[in-house]
Amino acid sequence: MKEKTILITGCSSGIGHCVAHGLKARGWRVFASCRKPEDVARLEAEGLEALQLDVDDSTSVRMALDRVLERTGGTLDALFNNAGFGQPGAAEDLPRDALRAQFETNLFGAWELTAAVLPVMRRQGRGRVIFNSSVLGFAAMKYRGAYNASKYAMEGLCDTLRLELAGSGIWVSLVEPGPILSRFRPNALAKFLAAVPVEHSVHREAYRRQLERLQKEGEAAPFTLPPEAVLQAVVRALEAPRPAARYRVTLPTRVFWWLKRLLPTRWLDAVLQRAA
């Protein structure tokens, strides 16, 4: 049987790193991509087929996909759009450039790569496209406005794409993790300090609590799971005969999915105020 191939973005650590190794162990030919050359070298040393891909750079997106297709003879079975980061900060404190950067990485790059992959999958008559979204893709929380917005937009575009691809043999799925052990918080801390005027904001007291959370080692939220929980969802999205539109990972995601459907908005707001 022909070896199945997948391209994964954002593999330097956390979810992408775990999924790349996990799928390789299941017999997939994995193209693990990341932004920094030193991380590419490290992944290669770990036995992965790695390449450089910066989703913020259109040239890098095209060149990386071309390299993958050269190695596979022009085919690709699956794409996992995982690269992303969180930009903390109150909505009113977010500079335009910070909001733009959030969308460039979390949405625009993934969308450009997906659009480039779809003609390949159409020629094959099959394919799987998976997007790593979040519980914050449908349940907004304070001080996460940029990230909320990028994931809400991702979910809307994915729902549209799923409808447009009906009958093509190409399946689109969203993975919606809640708290997962990764380098998400350290990366978010750096973005927060670089973009948000903490001491000059009306939210400065709340920001000090946010800084404590972002600097905390280990689990910072209840019900945190290891990245293997996301791997399990990705495996189901890749290998199910008819994959689901959404795979909800962690208890908070499942709880908020139901609360959003059952509670009046005012009641849900009260719950989200306490959860933030």
C-alpha atoms as a PDB file:
ATOM      1  CA  MET A   1       0.000   0.000   0.000  1.00  0.00           C
ATOM      2  CA  LYS A   2       1.242   3.464  -0.919  1.00  0.00           C
ATOM      3  CA  GLU A   3       2.631   5.444   2.002  1.00  0.00           C
ATOM      4  CA  LYS A   4       0.358   8.341   2.928  1.00  0.00           C
ATOM      5  CA  THR A   5       1.887  11.832   3.085  1.00  0.00           C
ATOM      6  CA  ILE A   6       1.127  14.835   5.264  1.00  0.00           C
ATOM      7  CA  LEU A   7       2.550  18.354   5.583  1.00  0.00           C
ATOM      8  CA  ILE A   8       2.395  19.869   9.083  1.00  0.00           C
ATOM      9  CA  THR A   9       3.184  23.476   9.991  1.00  0.00           C
ATOM     10  CA  GLY A  10       4.512  24.691  13.333  1.00  0.00           C
ATOM     11  CA  CYS A  11       6.442  21.577  14.357  1.00  0.00           C
ATOM     12  CA  SER A  12       9.215  23.107  16.457  1.00  0.00           C
ATOM     13  CA  SER A  13       7.462  22.230  19.727  1.00  0.00           C
ATOM     14  CA  GLY A  14       4.159  21.405  21.373  1.00  0.00           C
ATOM     15  CA  ILE A  15       1.264  20.084  19.326  1.00  0.00           C
ATOM     16  CA  GLY A  16       3.011  20.135  15.939  1.00  0.00           C
ATOM     17  CA  HIS A  17       6.073  18.338  17.269  1.00  0.00           C
ATOM     18  CA  CYS A  18       3.944  15.676  18.968  1.00  0.00           C
ATOM     19  CA  VAL A  19       1.675  15.130  15.955  1.00  0.00           C
ATOM     20  CA  ALA A  20       4.630  14.871  13.556  1.00  0.00           C
ATOM     21  CA  HIS A  21       6.292  12.140  15.614  1.00  0.00           C
ATOM     22  CA  GLY A  22       2.997  10.410  16.356  1.00  0.00           C
ATOM     23  CA  LEU A  23       1.952  10.171  12.709  1.00  0.00           C
ATOM     24  CA  LYS A  24       5.413   9.020  11.656  1.00  0.00           C
ATOM     25  CA  ALA A  25       5.083   6.198  14.191  1.00  0.00           C
ATOM     26  CA  ARG A  26       1.743   5.250  12.575  1.00  0.00           C
ATOM     27  CA  GLY A  27       3.380   4.867   9.155  1.00  0.00           C
ATOM     28  CA  TRP A  28       2.701   8.272   7.631  1.00  0.00           C
ATOM     29  CA  ARG A  29       5.367  10.040   5.626  1.00  0.00           C
ATOM     30  CA  VAL A  30       5.501  13.307   7.556  1.00  0.00           C
ATOM     31  CA  PHE A  31       6.871  16.596   6.246  1.00  0.00           C
ATOM     32  CA  ALA A  32       7.443  18.537   9.458  1.00  0.00           C
ATOM     33  CA  SER A  33       7.906  22.246   8.880  1.00  0.00           C
ATOM     34  CA  CYS A  34       8.910  25.151  11.093  1.00  0.00           C
ATOM     35  CA  ARG A  35      10.132  28.714  10.757  1.00  0.00           C
ATOM     36  CA  LYS A  36      13.701  28.655  12.080  1.00  0.00           C
ATOM     37  CA  PRO A  37      16.583  26.807  10.336  1.00  0.00           C
ATOM     38  CA  GLU A  38      17.975  25.617  13.679  1.00  0.00           C
ATOM     39  CA  ASP A  39      14.644  23.946  14.474  1.00  0.00           C
ATOM     40  CA  VAL A  40      14.640  22.282  11.050  1.00  0.00           C
ATOM     41  CA  ALA A  41      18.096  20.849  11.825  1.00  0.00           C
ATOM     42  CA  ARG A  42      16.897  19.611  15.222  1.00  0.00           C
ATOM     43  CA  LEU A  43      13.850  17.891  13.724  1.00  0.00           C
ATOM     44  CA  GLU A  44      16.026  16.213  11.114  1.00  0.00           C
ATOM     45  CA  ALA A  45      18.311  14.961  13.896  1.00  0.00           C
ATOM     46  CA  GLU A  46      15.195  13.472  15.517  1.00  0.00           C
ATOM     47  CA  GLY A  47      14.531  11.461  12.361  1.00  0.00           C
ATOM     48  CA  LEU A  48      11.811  13.619  10.824  1.00  0.00           C
ATOM     49  CA  GLU A  49      11.707  14.779   7.219  1.00  0.00           C
ATOM     50  CA  ALA A  50      11.867  18.490   8.001  1.00  0.00           C
ATOM     51  CA  LEU A  51      11.799  21.702   5.997  1.00  0.00           C
ATOM     52  CA  GLN A  52      11.639  25.431   6.567  1.00  0.00           C
ATOM     53  CA  LEU A  53       8.245  27.104   6.159  1.00  0.00           C
ATOM     54  CA  ASP A  54       7.307  30.535   7.495  1.00  0.00           C
ATOM     55  CA  VAL A  55       3.554  30.964   7.098  1.00  0.00           C
ATOM     56  CA  ASP A  56       3.982  34.764   7.290  1.00  0.00           C
ATOM     57  CA  ASP A  57       5.989  34.709   4.044  1.00  0.00           C
ATOM     58  CA  SER A  58       4.225  33.891   0.753  1.00  0.00           C
ATOM     59  CA  THR A  59       7.500  32.976  -0.950  1.00  0.00           C
ATOM     60  CA  SER A  60       8.352  30.568   1.859  1.00  0.00           C
ATOM     61  CA  VAL A  61       4.897  28.975   1.596  1.00  0.00           C
ATOM     62  CA  ARG A  62       5.255  28.379  -2.150  1.00  0.00           C
ATOM     63  CA  MET A  63       8.829  27.130  -1.936  1.00  0.00           C
ATOM     64  CA  ALA A  64       8.077  24.723   0.904  1.00  0.00           C
ATOM     65  CA  LEU A  65       5.102  23.201  -0.895  1.00  0.00           C
ATOM     66  CA  ASP A  66       7.137  22.886  -4.096  1.00  0.00           C
ATOM     67  CA  ARG A  67       9.839  20.976  -2.174  1.00  0.00           C
ATOM     68  CA  VAL A  68       7.257  18.633  -0.679  1.00  0.00           C
ATOM     69  CA  LEU A  69       5.672  17.927  -4.078  1.00  0.00           C
ATOM     70  CA  GLU A  70       9.090  17.304  -5.637  1.00  0.00           C
ATOM     71  CA  ARG A  71       9.752  14.622  -3.022  1.00  0.00           C
ATOM     72  CA  THR A  72       6.324  12.981  -3.373  1.00  0.00           C
ATOM     73  CA  GLY A  73       6.057  13.069  -7.142  1.00  0.00           C
ATOM     74  CA  GLY A  74       3.355  15.731  -7.076  1.00  0.00           C
ATOM     75  CA  THR A  75       0.922  14.283  -4.540  1.00  0.00           C
ATOM     76  CA  LEU A  76      -0.074  15.097  -0.970  1.00  0.00           C
ATOM     77  CA  ASP A  77      -2.673  13.246   1.064  1.00  0.00           C
ATOM     78  CA  ALA A  78      -3.125  15.630   3.974  1.00  0.00           C
ATOM     79  CA  LEU A  79      -2.323  19.045   5.430  1.00  0.00           C
ATOM     80  CA  PHE A  80      -2.399  19.985   9.116  1.00  0.00           C
ATOM     81  CA  ASN A  81      -2.418  23.765   9.583  1.00  0.00           C
ATOM     82  CA  ASN A  82      -1.022  24.007  13.100  1.00  0.00           C
ATOM     83  CA  ALA A  83       1.320  27.024  13.147  1.00  0.00           C
ATOM     84  CA  GLY A  84       0.079  29.861  15.313  1.00  0.00           C
ATOM     85  CA  PHE A  85       0.516  31.939  18.451  1.00  0.00           C
ATOM     86  CA  GLY A  86      -1.581  33.924  20.928  1.00  0.00           C
ATOM     87  CA  GLN A  87      -1.440  37.709  21.231  1.00  0.00           C
ATOM     88  CA  PRO A  88      -2.780  38.624  24.693  1.00  0.00           C
ATOM     89  CA  GLY A  89      -4.122  42.043  25.546  1.00  0.00           C
ATOM     90  CA  ALA A  90      -7.377  43.923  26.002  1.00  0.00           C
ATOM     91  CA  ALA A  91      -9.044  44.676  22.687  1.00  0.00           C
ATOM     92  CA  GLU A  92      -8.708  48.437  23.168  1.00  0.00           C
ATOM     93  CA  ASP A  93      -4.955  48.126  23.814  1.00  0.00           C
ATOM     94  CA  LEU A  94      -4.097  46.109  20.713  1.00  0.00           C
ATOM     95  CA  PRO A  95      -2.138  48.070  18.088  1.00  0.00           C
ATOM     96  CA  ARG A  96      -3.183  47.542  14.499  1.00  0.00           C
ATOM     97  CA  ASP A  97       0.163  45.910  13.704  1.00  0.00           C
ATOM     98  CA  ALA A  98      -0.282  43.369  16.515  1.00  0.00           C
ATOM     99  CA  LEU A  99      -3.758  42.431  15.286  1.00  0.00           C
ATOM    100  CA  ARG A 100      -2.472  42.170  11.721  1.00  0.00           C
ATOM    101  CA  ALA A 101       0.420  39.923  12.818  1.00  0.00           C
ATOM    102  CA  GLN A 102      -2.017  37.657  14.680  1.00  0.00           C
ATOM    103  CA  PHE A 103      -4.088  37.143  11.549  1.00  0.00           C
ATOM    104  CA  GLU A 104      -1.060  36.753   9.269  1.00  0.00           C
ATOM    105  CA  THR A 105       0.212  33.781  11.259  1.00  0.00           C
ATOM    106  CA  ASN A 106      -2.984  32.185  12.544  1.00  0.00           C
ATOM    107  CA  LEU A 107      -5.131  32.576   9.444  1.00  0.00           C
ATOM    108  CA  PHE A 108      -3.743  34.171   6.301  1.00  0.00           C
ATOM    109  CA  GLY A 109      -0.682  31.929   6.024  1.00  0.00           C
ATOM    110  CA  ALA A 110      -2.711  28.795   6.651  1.00  0.00           C
ATOM    111  CA  TRP A 111      -5.260  29.901   4.085  1.00  0.00           C
ATOM    112  CA  GLU A 112      -2.649  30.631   1.435  1.00  0.00           C
ATOM    113  CA  LEU A 113      -1.053  27.221   1.980  1.00  0.00           C
ATOM    114  CA  THR A 114      -4.441  25.486   1.852  1.00  0.00           C
ATOM    115  CA  ALA A 115      -5.397  27.241  -1.389  1.00  0.00           C
ATOM    116  CA  ALA A 116      -2.099  26.083  -2.922  1.00  0.00           C
ATOM    117  CA  VAL A 117      -2.657  22.485  -1.787  1.00  0.00           C
ATOM    118  CA  LEU A 118      -6.255  22.160  -2.978  1.00  0.00           C
ATOM    119  CA  PRO A 119      -5.471  21.865  -6.738  1.00  0.00           C
ATOM    120  CA  VAL A 120      -3.145  18.953  -5.906  1.00  0.00           C
ATOM    121  CA  MET A 121      -5.883  17.226  -3.926  1.00  0.00           C
ATOM    122  CA  ARG A 122      -8.486  17.928  -6.616  1.00  0.00           C
ATOM    123  CA  ARG A 123      -6.307  16.192  -9.213  1.00  0.00           C
ATOM    124  CA  GLN A 124      -6.036  13.202  -6.870  1.00  0.00           C
ATOM    125  CA  GLY A 125      -9.756  13.250  -6.128  1.00  0.00           C
ATOM    126  CA  ARG A 126      -9.057  13.000  -2.393  1.00  0.00           C
ATOM    127  CA  GLY A 127      -7.396  14.730   0.550  1.00  0.00           C
ATOM    128  CA  ARG A 128      -7.718  15.800   4.162  1.00  0.00           C
ATOM    129  CA  VAL A 129      -7.229  19.375   5.395  1.00  0.00           C
ATOM    130  CA  ILE A 130      -7.157  19.936   9.166  1.00  0.00           C
ATOM    131  CA  PHE A 131      -6.999  23.270  10.962  1.00  0.00           C
ATOM    132  CA  ASN A 132      -5.922  23.616  14.580  1.00  0.00           C
ATOM    133  CA  SER A 133      -8.485  25.982  16.054  1.00  0.00           C
ATOM    134  CA  SER A 134      -9.342  26.405  19.749  1.00  0.00           C
ATOM    135  CA  VAL A 135     -12.128  26.560  22.307  1.00  0.00           C
ATOM    136  CA  LEU A 136     -11.581  30.299  21.763  1.00  0.00           C
ATOM    137  CA  GLY A 137     -12.774  29.813  18.196  1.00  0.00           C
ATOM    138  CA  PHE A 138     -16.342  29.778  19.510  1.00  0.00           C
ATOM    139  CA  ALA A 139     -16.174  30.978  23.148  1.00  0.00           C
ATOM    140  CA  ALA A 140     -14.613  34.427  23.597  1.00  0.00           C
ATOM    141  CA  MET A 141     -12.668  35.264  26.753  1.00  0.00           C
ATOM    142  CA  LYS A 142     -11.254  38.522  28.095  1.00  0.00           C
ATOM    143  CA  TYR A 143      -7.775  39.709  27.104  1.00  0.00           C
ATOM    144  CA  ARG A 144      -7.606  37.247  24.219  1.00  0.00           C
ATOM    145  CA  GLY A 145      -9.390  39.338  21.604  1.00  0.00           C
ATOM    146  CA  ALA A 146      -6.818  39.028  18.818  1.00  0.00           C
ATOM    147  CA  TYR A 147      -6.573  35.266  19.234  1.00  0.00           C
ATOM    148  CA  ASN A 148     -10.367  34.907  19.588  1.00  0.00           C
ATOM    149  CA  ALA A 149     -10.867  36.897  16.384  1.00  0.00           C
ATOM    150  CA  SER A 150      -8.337  34.889  14.369  1.00  0.00           C
ATOM    151  CA  LYS A 151      -9.861  31.573  15.441  1.00  0.00           C
ATOM    152  CA  TYR A 152     -13.459  32.730  14.954  1.00  0.00           C
ATOM    153  CA  ALA A 153     -12.480  33.768  11.422  1.00  0.00           C
ATOM    154  CA  MET A 154     -10.751  30.434  10.854  1.00  0.00           C
ATOM    155  CA  GLU A 155     -13.889  28.554  11.860  1.00  0.00           C
ATOM    156  CA  GLY A 156     -16.081  30.606   9.530  1.00  0.00           C
ATOM    157  CA  LEU A 157     -13.779  30.093   6.552  1.00  0.00           C
ATOM    158  CA  CYS A 158     -13.441  26.369   7.282  1.00  0.00           C
ATOM    159  CA  ASP A 159     -17.212  25.939   7.445  1.00  0.00           C
ATOM    160  CA  THR A 160     -17.471  27.700   4.086  1.00  0.00           C
ATOM    161  CA  LEU A 161     -14.675  25.639   2.561  1.00  0.00           C
ATOM    162  CA  ARG A 162     -16.267  22.404   3.759  1.00  0.00           C
ATOM    163  CA  LEU A 163     -19.476  23.314   1.939  1.00  0.00           C
ATOM    164  CA  GLU A 164     -17.635  24.321  -1.232  1.00  0.00           C
ATOM    165  CA  LEU A 165     -15.648  21.072  -1.313  1.00  0.00           C
ATOM    166  CA  ALA A 166     -18.641  18.778  -0.812  1.00  0.00           C
ATOM    167  CA  GLY A 167     -18.430  15.843  -3.219  1.00  0.00           C
ATOM    168  CA  SER A 168     -14.808  16.546  -4.192  1.00  0.00           C
ATOM    169  CA  GLY A 169     -13.289  13.832  -1.988  1.00  0.00           C
ATOM    170  CA  ILE A 170     -11.506  16.508   0.070  1.00  0.00           C
ATOM    171  CA  TRP A 171     -12.542  16.660   3.724  1.00  0.00           C
ATOM    172  CA  VAL A 172     -12.044  19.691   5.982  1.00  0.00           C
ATOM    173  CA  SER A 173     -11.935  19.326   9.769  1.00  0.00           C
ATOM    174  CA  LEU A 174     -11.329  21.641  12.710  1.00  0.00           C
ATOM    175  CA  VAL A 175      -9.570  20.502  15.875  1.00  0.00           C
ATOM    176  CA  GLU A 176     -10.637  22.600  18.875  1.00  0.00           C
ATOM    177  CA  PRO A 177      -8.285  22.132  21.841  1.00  0.00           C
ATOM    178  CA  GLY A 178      -8.708  23.671  25.249  1.00  0.00           C
ATOM    179  CA  PRO A 179      -5.665  23.897  27.565  1.00  0.00           C
ATOM    180  CA  ILE A 180      -2.764  21.808  26.224  1.00  0.00           C
ATOM    181  CA  LEU A 181       0.778  21.569  27.558  1.00  0.00           C
ATOM    182  CA  SER A 182       2.999  23.429  25.094  1.00  0.00           C
ATOM    183  CA  ARG A 183       5.175  26.526  24.676  1.00  0.00           C
ATOM    184  CA  PHE A 184       2.059  28.584  23.962  1.00  0.00           C
ATOM    185  CA  ARG A 185       2.292  30.650  27.179  1.00  0.00           C
ATOM    186  CA  PRO A 186       5.997  31.618  26.905  1.00  0.00           C
ATOM    187  CA  ASN A 187       5.459  32.657  23.293  1.00  0.00           C
ATOM    188  CA  ALA A 188       2.334  34.617  24.237  1.00  0.00           C
ATOM    189  CA  LEU A 189       4.223  36.356  27.057  1.00  0.00           C
ATOM    190  CA  ALA A 190       6.834  37.671  24.637  1.00  0.00           C
ATOM    191  CA  LYS A 191       4.136  38.993  22.279  1.00  0.00           C
ATOM    192  CA  PHE A 192       2.265  40.558  25.187  1.00  0.00           C
ATOM    193  CA  LEU A 193       5.276  42.458  26.501  1.00  0.00           C
ATOM    194  CA  ALA A 194       6.258  43.616  23.019  1.00  0.00           C
ATOM    195  CA  ALA A 195       2.854  44.971  21.956  1.00  0.00           C
ATOM    196  CA  VAL A 196       0.803  46.019  24.997  1.00  0.00           C
ATOM    197  CA  PRO A 197       1.441  49.159  27.118  1.00  0.00           C
ATOM    198  CA  VAL A 198       0.883  47.363  30.424  1.00  0.00           C
ATOM    199  CA  GLU A 199       1.617  50.183  32.864  1.00  0.00           C
ATOM    200  CA  HIS A 200      -0.259  52.831  30.867  1.00  0.00           C
ATOM    201  CA  SER A 201      -3.458  50.812  30.423  1.00  0.00           C
ATOM    202  CA  VAL A 202      -6.690  51.018  32.409  1.00  0.00           C
ATOM    203  CA  HIS A 203      -6.387  47.217  32.525  1.00  0.00           C
ATOM    204  CA  ARG A 204      -3.002  47.225  34.252  1.00  0.00           C
ATOM    205  CA  GLU A 205      -4.211  45.465  37.417  1.00  0.00           C
ATOM    206  CA  ALA A 206      -5.773  42.680  35.361  1.00  0.00           C
ATOM    207  CA  TYR A 207      -2.609  42.535  33.267  1.00  0.00           C
ATOM    208  CA  ARG A 208      -0.530  41.844  36.362  1.00  0.00           C
ATOM    209  CA  ARG A 209      -2.672  38.776  37.006  1.00  0.00           C
ATOM    210  CA  GLN A 210      -2.278  37.800  33.344  1.00  0.00           C
ATOM    211  CA  LEU A 211       1.488  38.101  33.670  1.00  0.00           C
ATOM    212  CA  GLU A 212       1.464  35.755  36.662  1.00  0.00           C
ATOM    213  CA  ARG A 213      -0.490  33.202  34.631  1.00  0.00           C
ATOM    214  CA  LEU A 214       1.755  33.509  31.579  1.00  0.00           C
ATOM    215  CA  GLN A 215       4.903  33.137  33.688  1.00  0.00           C
ATOM    216  CA  LYS A 216       3.642  30.111  35.619  1.00  0.00           C
ATOM    217  CA  GLU A 217       5.499  26.852  35.021  1.00  0.00           C
ATOM    218  CA  GLY A 218       3.551  23.719  34.116  1.00  0.00           C
ATOM    219  CA  GLU A 219      -0.247  23.677  34.027  1.00  0.00           C
ATOM    220  CA  ALA A 220      -1.843  27.121  34.277  1.00  0.00           C
ATOM    221  CA  ALA A 221      -5.453  25.971  33.859  1.00  0.00           C
ATOM    222  CA  PRO A 222      -7.543  23.067  35.141  1.00  0.00           C
ATOM    223  CA  PHE A 223      -8.066  20.040  32.899  1.00  0.00           C
ATOM    224  CA  THR A 224      -4.851  20.655  30.921  1.00  0.00           C
ATOM    225  CA  LEU A 225      -3.942  17.692  28.720  1.00  0.00           C
ATOM    226  CA  PRO A 226      -0.712  16.696  26.982  1.00  0.00           C
ATOM    227  CA  PRO A 227      -0.394  17.282  23.222  1.00  0.00           C
ATOM    228  CA  GLU A 228      -1.051  13.581  22.632  1.00  0.00           C
ATOM    229  CA  ALA A 229      -4.735  14.405  23.146  1.00  0.00           C
ATOM    230  CA  VAL A 230      -4.623  16.534  19.994  1.00  0.00           C
ATOM    231  CA  LEU A 231      -2.711  13.782  18.184  1.00  0.00           C
ATOM    232  CA  GLN A 232      -5.613  11.413  18.846  1.00  0.00           C
ATOM    233  CA  ALA A 233      -8.053  13.889  17.308  1.00  0.00           C
ATOM    234  CA  VAL A 234      -5.831  14.422  14.254  1.00  0.00           C
ATOM    235  CA  VAL A 235      -5.558  10.664  13.743  1.00  0.00           C
ATOM    236  CA  ARG A 236      -9.354  10.375  13.748  1.00  0.00           C
ATOM    237  CA  ALA A 237      -9.673  13.269  11.293  1.00  0.00           C
ATOM    238  CA  LEU A 238      -7.137  11.649   8.970  1.00  0.00           C
ATOM    239  CA  GLU A 239      -8.196   8.031   9.142  1.00  0.00           C
ATOM    240  CA  ALA A 240     -11.984   8.048   9.613  1.00  0.00           C
ATOM    241  CA  PRO A 241     -13.893   7.133   6.410  1.00  0.00           C
ATOM    242  CA  ARG A 242     -16.090  10.210   6.951  1.00  0.00           C
ATOM    243  CA  PRO A 243     -14.270  12.623   9.269  1.00  0.00           C
ATOM    244  CA  ALA A 244     -16.211  14.982  11.498  1.00  0.00           C
ATOM    245  CA  ALA A 245     -16.322  18.720  10.894  1.00  0.00           C
ATOM    246  CA  ARG A 246     -15.052  19.334  14.448  1.00  0.00           C
ATOM    247  CA  TYR A 247     -13.039  17.434  17.025  1.00  0.00           C
ATOM    248  CA  ARG A 248     -13.322  18.948  20.494  1.00  0.00           C
ATOM    249  CA  VAL A 249     -10.343  18.233  22.763  1.00  0.00           C
ATOM    250  CA  THR A 250     -10.301  18.663  26.582  1.00  0.00           C
ATOM    251  CA  LEU A 251     -13.222  18.943  28.991  1.00  0.00           C
ATOM    252  CA  PRO A 252     -13.435  22.783  28.902  1.00  0.00           C
ATOM    253  CA  THR A 253     -13.982  22.720  25.141  1.00  0.00           C
ATOM    254  CA  ARG A 254     -16.797  20.198  25.433  1.00  0.00           C
ATOM    255  CA  VAL A 255     -18.421  22.055  28.327  1.00  0.00           C
ATOM    256  CA  PHE A 256     -18.340  25.445  26.610  1.00  0.00           C
ATOM    257  CA  TRP A 257     -19.616  23.932  23.359  1.00  0.00           C
ATOM    258  CA  TRP A 258     -22.805  22.891  25.191  1.00  0.00           C
ATOM    259  CA  LEU A 259     -23.056  25.995  27.365  1.00  0.00           C
ATOM    260  CA  LYS A 260     -22.995  28.216  24.301  1.00  0.00           C
ATOM    261  CA  ARG A 261     -25.970  26.318  22.884  1.00  0.00           C
ATOM    262  CA  LEU A 262     -27.976  26.046  26.078  1.00  0.00           C
ATOM    263  CA  LEU A 263     -27.459  29.284  28.014  1.00  0.00           C
ATOM    264  CA  PRO A 264     -28.786  32.757  27.249  1.00  0.00           C
ATOM    265  CA  THR A 265     -25.958  35.107  26.252  1.00  0.00           C
ATOM    266  CA  ARG A 266     -26.096  37.024  29.541  1.00  0.00           C
ATOM    267  CA  TRP A 267     -25.713  33.820  31.565  1.00  0.00           C
ATOM    268  CA  LEU A 268     -22.890  32.604  29.339  1.00  0.00           C
ATOM    269  CA  ASP A 269     -21.125  35.948  29.761  1.00  0.00           C
ATOM    270  CA  ALA A 270     -21.235  35.479  33.530  1.00  0.00           C
ATOM    271  CA  VAL A 271     -19.598  32.056  33.200  1.00  0.00           C
ATOM    272  CA  LEU A 272     -16.929  33.371  30.811  1.00  0.00           C
ATOM    273  CA  GLN A 273     -16.147  36.287  33.151  1.00  0.00           C
ATOM    274  CA  ARG A 274     -15.218  33.785  35.868  1.00  0.00           C
ATOM    275  CA  ALA A 275     -13.358  31.477  33.487  1.00  0.00           C
ATOM    276  CA  ALA A 276     -11.066  34.161  32.036  1.00  0.00           C
END
